[in-house]
């Protein structure tokens, strides 16, 4: 039996309807602040990062402000976050490179951003999309999970998920779709307890269909077990 085609346009329309104001939930006022906040967000919630950066950015909001900090001093600013020692080292080195090579400005290409310490593909996409308006899909844990569950992608590889999403979603919707998927993952389609019963995407979702099939199979399995006993 042929698999049902994924209704990409309908899914995107519903996500837009659900989250018309979806946006980056990291607080920032400049591309540099967004870059630092996104580096800090690895394995941390945006809420916790915002709590750390609110006082920090009042003192440290340009690359040159970090140049004379020791790693221990940098750690004091962000020690409430996971991986703070490694993040401190990366941030100080990134700020040095920005100051010396880019005159304190954040570069605007994938290659240049990904060459900075602590900056991977996801971080580069977040910065390019939100700070510079470049269409991009940053695949974090929410985009990865929700994209696979809805059938917009099918892969265990983050880079492949990004490629599949970029192929299926119109380019002009990449940045918006990135935020829609994140917001849906945080508010409805959580990792452990997805609210499929309350989800308006349920009828279009491959994961929800598979879960419903499992639930239907349970009574039959119990009945068979009782018959054998």
C-alpha atoms as a PDB file:
ATOM      1  CA  UNK A   1       0.000   0.000   0.000  1.00  0.00           C
ATOM      2  CA  UNK A   2       1.468   3.376  -0.984  1.00  0.00           C
ATOM      3  CA  UNK A   3       2.283   5.785   1.804  1.00  0.00           C
ATOM      4  CA  UNK A   4       0.137   8.877   2.107  1.00  0.00           C
ATOM      5  CA  UNK A   5       1.823  12.001   0.792  1.00  0.00           C
ATOM      6  CA  UNK A   6       2.851  14.446   3.496  1.00  0.00           C
ATOM      7  CA  UNK A   7       0.575  17.533   3.275  1.00  0.00           C
ATOM      8  CA  UNK A   8       3.412  20.040   3.623  1.00  0.00           C
ATOM      9  CA  UNK A   9       1.422  23.143   2.649  1.00  0.00           C
ATOM     10  CA  UNK A  10      -1.424  22.271   5.028  1.00  0.00           C
ATOM     11  CA  UNK A  11       0.994  21.606   7.889  1.00  0.00           C
ATOM     12  CA  UNK A  12       2.749  24.935   7.350  1.00  0.00           C
ATOM     13  CA  UNK A  13      -0.560  26.786   7.127  1.00  0.00           C
ATOM     14  CA  UNK A  14      -1.717  25.265  10.418  1.00  0.00           C
ATOM     15  CA  UNK A  15       1.580  26.055  12.158  1.00  0.00           C
ATOM     16  CA  UNK A  16       1.306  29.645  10.946  1.00  0.00           C
ATOM     17  CA  UNK A  17      -2.238  29.790  12.273  1.00  0.00           C
ATOM     18  CA  UNK A  18      -1.130  28.424  15.632  1.00  0.00           C
ATOM     19  CA  UNK A  19       1.962  30.607  16.027  1.00  0.00           C
ATOM     20  CA  UNK A  20       1.592  33.807  13.978  1.00  0.00           C
ATOM     21  CA  UNK A  21       3.933  35.668  16.325  1.00  0.00           C
ATOM     22  CA  UNK A  22       6.597  32.967  16.632  1.00  0.00           C
ATOM     23  CA  UNK A  23      10.057  34.426  17.026  1.00  0.00           C
ATOM     24  CA  UNK A  24      13.477  33.789  18.532  1.00  0.00           C
ATOM     25  CA  UNK A  25      13.040  33.610  22.308  1.00  0.00           C
ATOM     26  CA  UNK A  26      16.612  34.548  23.101  1.00  0.00           C
ATOM     27  CA  UNK A  27      16.842  38.187  24.162  1.00  0.00           C
ATOM     28  CA  UNK A  28      19.285  40.330  22.178  1.00  0.00           C
ATOM     29  CA  UNK A  29      19.628  43.783  20.636  1.00  0.00           C
ATOM     30  CA  UNK A  30      22.556  43.265  18.232  1.00  0.00           C
ATOM     31  CA  UNK A  31      23.938  40.462  16.054  1.00  0.00           C
ATOM     32  CA  UNK A  32      26.830  40.126  18.492  1.00  0.00           C
ATOM     33  CA  UNK A  33      24.533  39.634  21.470  1.00  0.00           C
ATOM     34  CA  UNK A  34      22.554  37.032  19.518  1.00  0.00           C
ATOM     35  CA  UNK A  35      25.761  35.203  18.614  1.00  0.00           C
ATOM     36  CA  UNK A  36      26.870  35.039  22.249  1.00  0.00           C
ATOM     37  CA  UNK A  37      23.397  34.045  23.477  1.00  0.00           C
ATOM     38  CA  UNK A  38      23.161  31.275  20.899  1.00  0.00           C
ATOM     39  CA  UNK A  39      26.583  29.901  21.850  1.00  0.00           C
ATOM     40  CA  UNK A  40      25.394  29.869  25.461  1.00  0.00           C
ATOM     41  CA  UNK A  41      22.114  28.133  24.556  1.00  0.00           C
ATOM     42  CA  UNK A  42      23.725  24.766  23.798  1.00  0.00           C
ATOM     43  CA  UNK A  43      22.079  22.224  26.131  1.00  0.00           C
ATOM     44  CA  UNK A  44      20.324  25.058  27.991  1.00  0.00           C
ATOM     45  CA  UNK A  45      16.881  26.608  27.813  1.00  0.00           C
ATOM     46  CA  UNK A  46      16.406  30.040  26.283  1.00  0.00           C
ATOM     47  CA  UNK A  47      14.797  31.174  29.537  1.00  0.00           C
ATOM     48  CA  UNK A  48      17.915  30.313  31.550  1.00  0.00           C
ATOM     49  CA  UNK A  49      20.206  31.914  28.974  1.00  0.00           C
ATOM     50  CA  UNK A  50      18.153  35.127  29.128  1.00  0.00           C
ATOM     51  CA  UNK A  51      18.500  35.185  32.907  1.00  0.00           C
ATOM     52  CA  UNK A  52      22.289  35.009  32.530  1.00  0.00           C
ATOM     53  CA  UNK A  53      22.676  37.446  29.638  1.00  0.00           C
ATOM     54  CA  UNK A  54      20.398  40.165  31.008  1.00  0.00           C
ATOM     55  CA  UNK A  55      22.966  41.447  33.549  1.00  0.00           C
ATOM     56  CA  UNK A  56      25.964  40.345  31.456  1.00  0.00           C
ATOM     57  CA  UNK A  57      25.023  42.338  28.352  1.00  0.00           C
ATOM     58  CA  UNK A  58      24.752  45.503  30.438  1.00  0.00           C
ATOM     59  CA  UNK A  59      28.527  45.268  30.886  1.00  0.00           C
ATOM     60  CA  UNK A  60      29.678  43.091  28.011  1.00  0.00           C
ATOM     61  CA  UNK A  61      27.889  43.851  24.737  1.00  0.00           C
ATOM     62  CA  UNK A  62      30.770  44.259  22.277  1.00  0.00           C
ATOM     63  CA  UNK A  63      33.699  41.963  21.432  1.00  0.00           C
ATOM     64  CA  UNK A  64      36.279  44.399  22.832  1.00  0.00           C
ATOM     65  CA  UNK A  65      34.596  44.213  26.241  1.00  0.00           C
ATOM     66  CA  UNK A  66      35.718  40.588  26.519  1.00  0.00           C
ATOM     67  CA  UNK A  67      39.325  40.980  25.441  1.00  0.00           C
ATOM     68  CA  UNK A  68      40.808  41.580  28.878  1.00  0.00           C
ATOM     69  CA  UNK A  69      38.722  39.018  30.741  1.00  0.00           C
ATOM     70  CA  UNK A  70      40.422  35.912  32.085  1.00  0.00           C
ATOM     71  CA  UNK A  71      38.654  32.619  31.542  1.00  0.00           C
ATOM     72  CA  UNK A  72      37.890  32.503  35.270  1.00  0.00           C
ATOM     73  CA  UNK A  73      36.257  35.940  35.077  1.00  0.00           C
ATOM     74  CA  UNK A  74      34.213  34.870  32.052  1.00  0.00           C
ATOM     75  CA  UNK A  75      33.127  31.740  33.907  1.00  0.00           C
ATOM     76  CA  UNK A  76      31.798  33.857  36.764  1.00  0.00           C
ATOM     77  CA  UNK A  77      29.347  35.517  34.363  1.00  0.00           C
ATOM     78  CA  UNK A  78      27.922  32.262  32.985  1.00  0.00           C
ATOM     79  CA  UNK A  79      28.578  29.625  35.637  1.00  0.00           C
ATOM     80  CA  UNK A  80      24.845  29.034  36.033  1.00  0.00           C
ATOM     81  CA  UNK A  81      24.795  27.386  32.594  1.00  0.00           C
ATOM     82  CA  UNK A  82      25.826  23.909  31.557  1.00  0.00           C
ATOM     83  CA  UNK A  83      29.226  23.479  29.894  1.00  0.00           C
ATOM     84  CA  UNK A  84      30.168  26.953  31.157  1.00  0.00           C
ATOM     85  CA  UNK A  85      33.908  26.280  31.222  1.00  0.00           C
ATOM     86  CA  UNK A  86      34.082  25.287  27.566  1.00  0.00           C
ATOM     87  CA  UNK A  87      31.645  28.044  26.572  1.00  0.00           C
ATOM     88  CA  UNK A  88      33.789  30.623  28.382  1.00  0.00           C
ATOM     89  CA  UNK A  89      36.875  29.553  26.464  1.00  0.00           C
ATOM     90  CA  UNK A  90      35.027  29.619  23.125  1.00  0.00           C
ATOM     91  CA  UNK A  91      33.437  33.010  23.737  1.00  0.00           C
ATOM     92  CA  UNK A  92      36.720  34.667  24.645  1.00  0.00           C
ATOM     93  CA  UNK A  93      38.437  33.269  21.561  1.00  0.00           C
ATOM     94  CA  UNK A  94      35.481  34.173  19.329  1.00  0.00           C
ATOM     95  CA  UNK A  95      35.536  37.753  20.621  1.00  0.00           C
ATOM     96  CA  UNK A  96      39.266  37.999  19.940  1.00  0.00           C
ATOM     97  CA  UNK A  97      38.751  36.825  16.350  1.00  0.00           C
ATOM     98  CA  UNK A  98      35.829  39.192  15.802  1.00  0.00           C
ATOM     99  CA  UNK A  99      37.880  42.130  17.075  1.00  0.00           C
ATOM    100  CA  UNK A 100      41.074  41.304  15.196  1.00  0.00           C
ATOM    101  CA  UNK A 101      39.689  39.919  11.941  1.00  0.00           C
ATOM    102  CA  UNK A 102      36.257  41.499  11.506  1.00  0.00           C
ATOM    103  CA  UNK A 103      36.665  44.891  13.190  1.00  0.00           C
ATOM    104  CA  UNK A 104      34.271  43.822  15.924  1.00  0.00           C
ATOM    105  CA  UNK A 105      31.467  42.927  13.507  1.00  0.00           C
ATOM    106  CA  UNK A 106      29.725  39.557  13.194  1.00  0.00           C
ATOM    107  CA  UNK A 107      30.416  37.975   9.776  1.00  0.00           C
ATOM    108  CA  UNK A 108      27.469  37.142   7.543  1.00  0.00           C
ATOM    109  CA  UNK A 109      28.421  33.865   5.863  1.00  0.00           C
ATOM    110  CA  UNK A 110      28.127  30.269   7.008  1.00  0.00           C
ATOM    111  CA  UNK A 111      31.811  29.584   6.423  1.00  0.00           C
ATOM    112  CA  UNK A 112      33.015  32.548   8.451  1.00  0.00           C
ATOM    113  CA  UNK A 113      30.585  31.949  11.301  1.00  0.00           C
ATOM    114  CA  UNK A 114      31.273  28.226  11.536  1.00  0.00           C
ATOM    115  CA  UNK A 115      35.002  28.942  11.729  1.00  0.00           C
ATOM    116  CA  UNK A 116      34.431  30.715  15.053  1.00  0.00           C
ATOM    117  CA  UNK A 117      34.971  28.645  18.237  1.00  0.00           C
ATOM    118  CA  UNK A 118      31.719  27.293  19.644  1.00  0.00           C
ATOM    119  CA  UNK A 119      29.761  28.037  16.470  1.00  0.00           C
ATOM    120  CA  UNK A 120      28.283  25.148  14.526  1.00  0.00           C
ATOM    121  CA  UNK A 121      25.774  24.927  11.711  1.00  0.00           C
ATOM    122  CA  UNK A 122      22.771  25.490  13.992  1.00  0.00           C
ATOM    123  CA  UNK A 123      24.225  28.588  15.644  1.00  0.00           C
ATOM    124  CA  UNK A 124      25.253  30.020  12.275  1.00  0.00           C
ATOM    125  CA  UNK A 125      21.731  29.526  10.944  1.00  0.00           C
ATOM    126  CA  UNK A 126      20.163  31.188  13.990  1.00  0.00           C
ATOM    127  CA  UNK A 127      22.398  34.241  13.618  1.00  0.00           C
ATOM    128  CA  UNK A 128      22.030  34.540   9.841  1.00  0.00           C
ATOM    129  CA  UNK A 129      18.269  34.132   9.981  1.00  0.00           C
ATOM    130  CA  UNK A 130      17.415  36.329  12.951  1.00  0.00           C
ATOM    131  CA  UNK A 131      20.142  38.971  12.820  1.00  0.00           C
ATOM    132  CA  UNK A 132      20.585  39.344   9.082  1.00  0.00           C
ATOM    133  CA  UNK A 133      17.349  38.107   7.521  1.00  0.00           C
ATOM    134  CA  UNK A 134      18.990  35.272   5.583  1.00  0.00           C
ATOM    135  CA  UNK A 135      16.517  32.395   4.979  1.00  0.00           C
ATOM    136  CA  UNK A 136      17.660  29.422   7.064  1.00  0.00           C
ATOM    137  CA  UNK A 137      16.400  26.474   9.097  1.00  0.00           C
ATOM    138  CA  UNK A 138      18.357  25.917  12.291  1.00  0.00           C
ATOM    139  CA  UNK A 139      17.805  22.326  13.394  1.00  0.00           C
ATOM    140  CA  UNK A 140      17.745  22.194  17.181  1.00  0.00           C
ATOM    141  CA  UNK A 141      16.250  19.365  19.234  1.00  0.00           C
ATOM    142  CA  UNK A 142      12.688  20.671  18.726  1.00  0.00           C
ATOM    143  CA  UNK A 143      12.961  21.156  14.958  1.00  0.00           C
ATOM    144  CA  UNK A 144      14.586  17.726  14.666  1.00  0.00           C
ATOM    145  CA  UNK A 145      11.871  15.997  16.702  1.00  0.00           C
ATOM    146  CA  UNK A 146       8.801  17.780  15.323  1.00  0.00           C
ATOM    147  CA  UNK A 147      10.058  17.723  11.737  1.00  0.00           C
ATOM    148  CA  UNK A 148      10.493  13.945  11.909  1.00  0.00           C
ATOM    149  CA  UNK A 149       7.199  13.360  13.698  1.00  0.00           C
ATOM    150  CA  UNK A 150       5.192  15.371  11.180  1.00  0.00           C
ATOM    151  CA  UNK A 151       6.902  13.608   8.291  1.00  0.00           C
ATOM    152  CA  UNK A 152       8.506  16.794   6.982  1.00  0.00           C
ATOM    153  CA  UNK A 153      11.806  14.956   7.367  1.00  0.00           C
ATOM    154  CA  UNK A 154      12.882  11.394   7.956  1.00  0.00           C
ATOM    155  CA  UNK A 155      16.415  10.961   9.242  1.00  0.00           C
ATOM    156  CA  UNK A 156      18.477  10.411  12.389  1.00  0.00           C
ATOM    157  CA  UNK A 157      21.085  12.825  11.051  1.00  0.00           C
ATOM    158  CA  UNK A 158      20.750  16.525  11.883  1.00  0.00           C
ATOM    159  CA  UNK A 159      22.336  17.745   8.653  1.00  0.00           C
ATOM    160  CA  UNK A 160      20.129  15.466   6.576  1.00  0.00           C
ATOM    161  CA  UNK A 161      17.035  16.700   8.418  1.00  0.00           C
ATOM    162  CA  UNK A 162      18.039  20.257   7.553  1.00  0.00           C
ATOM    163  CA  UNK A 163      18.488  19.334   3.887  1.00  0.00           C
ATOM    164  CA  UNK A 164      15.117  17.580   3.743  1.00  0.00           C
ATOM    165  CA  UNK A 165      13.311  20.477   5.425  1.00  0.00           C
ATOM    166  CA  UNK A 166      14.935  22.959   3.062  1.00  0.00           C
ATOM    167  CA  UNK A 167      13.830  20.838   0.108  1.00  0.00           C
ATOM    168  CA  UNK A 168      10.222  20.458   1.251  1.00  0.00           C
ATOM    169  CA  UNK A 169       9.584  23.911   2.708  1.00  0.00           C
ATOM    170  CA  UNK A 170       9.533  26.932   0.364  1.00  0.00           C
ATOM    171  CA  UNK A 171      12.656  29.067   0.844  1.00  0.00           C
ATOM    172  CA  UNK A 172      10.670  32.157   1.762  1.00  0.00           C
ATOM    173  CA  UNK A 173       9.195  30.223   4.711  1.00  0.00           C
ATOM    174  CA  UNK A 174      12.405  28.667   6.054  1.00  0.00           C
ATOM    175  CA  UNK A 175      12.985  31.139   8.873  1.00  0.00           C
ATOM    176  CA  UNK A 176       9.331  31.274   9.932  1.00  0.00           C
ATOM    177  CA  UNK A 177       8.991  27.485   9.777  1.00  0.00           C
ATOM    178  CA  UNK A 178      12.061  27.158  12.005  1.00  0.00           C
ATOM    179  CA  UNK A 179      10.290  29.175  14.706  1.00  0.00           C
ATOM    180  CA  UNK A 180       6.928  27.447  14.180  1.00  0.00           C
ATOM    181  CA  UNK A 181       8.478  24.019  14.699  1.00  0.00           C
ATOM    182  CA  UNK A 182      10.338  25.173  17.817  1.00  0.00           C
ATOM    183  CA  UNK A 183       7.243  26.730  19.351  1.00  0.00           C
ATOM    184  CA  UNK A 184       5.172  23.632  18.600  1.00  0.00           C
ATOM    185  CA  UNK A 185       7.853  21.424  20.148  1.00  0.00           C
ATOM    186  CA  UNK A 186       7.951  23.521  23.308  1.00  0.00           C
ATOM    187  CA  UNK A 187       4.209  23.968  23.710  1.00  0.00           C
ATOM    188  CA  UNK A 188       2.570  20.806  22.355  1.00  0.00           C
ATOM    189  CA  UNK A 189       4.891  18.214  20.802  1.00  0.00           C
ATOM    190  CA  UNK A 190       7.216  17.603  23.732  1.00  0.00           C
ATOM    191  CA  UNK A 191       9.748  14.802  23.706  1.00  0.00           C
ATOM    192  CA  UNK A 192       8.297  12.632  26.474  1.00  0.00           C
ATOM    193  CA  UNK A 193       4.615  13.536  26.676  1.00  0.00           C
ATOM    194  CA  UNK A 194       3.378  14.936  23.375  1.00  0.00           C
ATOM    195  CA  UNK A 195      -0.175  16.239  23.578  1.00  0.00           C
ATOM    196  CA  UNK A 196      -1.408  14.464  20.479  1.00  0.00           C
ATOM    197  CA  UNK A 197      -5.011  14.459  21.667  1.00  0.00           C
ATOM    198  CA  UNK A 198      -5.073  18.258  21.803  1.00  0.00           C
ATOM    199  CA  UNK A 199      -2.951  18.854  18.700  1.00  0.00           C
ATOM    200  CA  UNK A 200      -4.676  20.389  15.686  1.00  0.00           C
ATOM    201  CA  UNK A 201      -2.038  18.770  13.474  1.00  0.00           C
ATOM    202  CA  UNK A 202      -2.995  15.275  14.630  1.00  0.00           C
ATOM    203  CA  UNK A 203      -4.796  14.299  11.432  1.00  0.00           C
ATOM    204  CA  UNK A 204      -1.736  15.234   9.354  1.00  0.00           C
ATOM    205  CA  UNK A 205       0.941  13.784  11.655  1.00  0.00           C
ATOM    206  CA  UNK A 206       2.715  10.495  10.976  1.00  0.00           C
ATOM    207  CA  UNK A 207       3.743  10.132  14.624  1.00  0.00           C
ATOM    208  CA  UNK A 208       0.176  10.635  15.874  1.00  0.00           C
ATOM    209  CA  UNK A 209      -1.113   8.084  13.364  1.00  0.00           C
ATOM    210  CA  UNK A 210       1.474   5.540  14.504  1.00  0.00           C
ATOM    211  CA  UNK A 211       0.640   6.157  18.174  1.00  0.00           C
ATOM    212  CA  UNK A 212      -3.079   5.742  17.506  1.00  0.00           C
ATOM    213  CA  UNK A 213      -2.376   2.451  15.740  1.00  0.00           C
ATOM    214  CA  UNK A 214      -0.401   1.238  18.781  1.00  0.00           C
ATOM    215  CA  UNK A 215      -3.259   2.110  21.115  1.00  0.00           C
ATOM    216  CA  UNK A 216      -5.745   0.187  18.959  1.00  0.00           C
ATOM    217  CA  UNK A 217      -3.459  -2.840  18.955  1.00  0.00           C
ATOM    218  CA  UNK A 218      -3.212  -3.005  22.769  1.00  0.00           C
ATOM    219  CA  UNK A 219      -6.785  -4.244  23.474  1.00  0.00           C
ATOM    220  CA  UNK A 220      -6.416  -6.916  20.809  1.00  0.00           C
ATOM    221  CA  UNK A 221      -3.136  -8.062  22.314  1.00  0.00           C
ATOM    222  CA  UNK A 222      -4.644  -8.223  25.812  1.00  0.00           C
ATOM    223  CA  UNK A 223      -7.624 -10.188  24.502  1.00  0.00           C
ATOM    224  CA  UNK A 224      -5.328 -12.696  22.819  1.00  0.00           C
ATOM    225  CA  UNK A 225      -3.271 -13.067  25.999  1.00  0.00           C
ATOM    226  CA  UNK A 226      -6.392 -13.742  28.081  1.00  0.00           C
ATOM    227  CA  UNK A 227      -7.611 -16.348  25.587  1.00  0.00           C
ATOM    228  CA  UNK A 228      -4.329 -18.234  25.902  1.00  0.00           C
ATOM    229  CA  UNK A 229      -4.334 -18.217  29.712  1.00  0.00           C
END
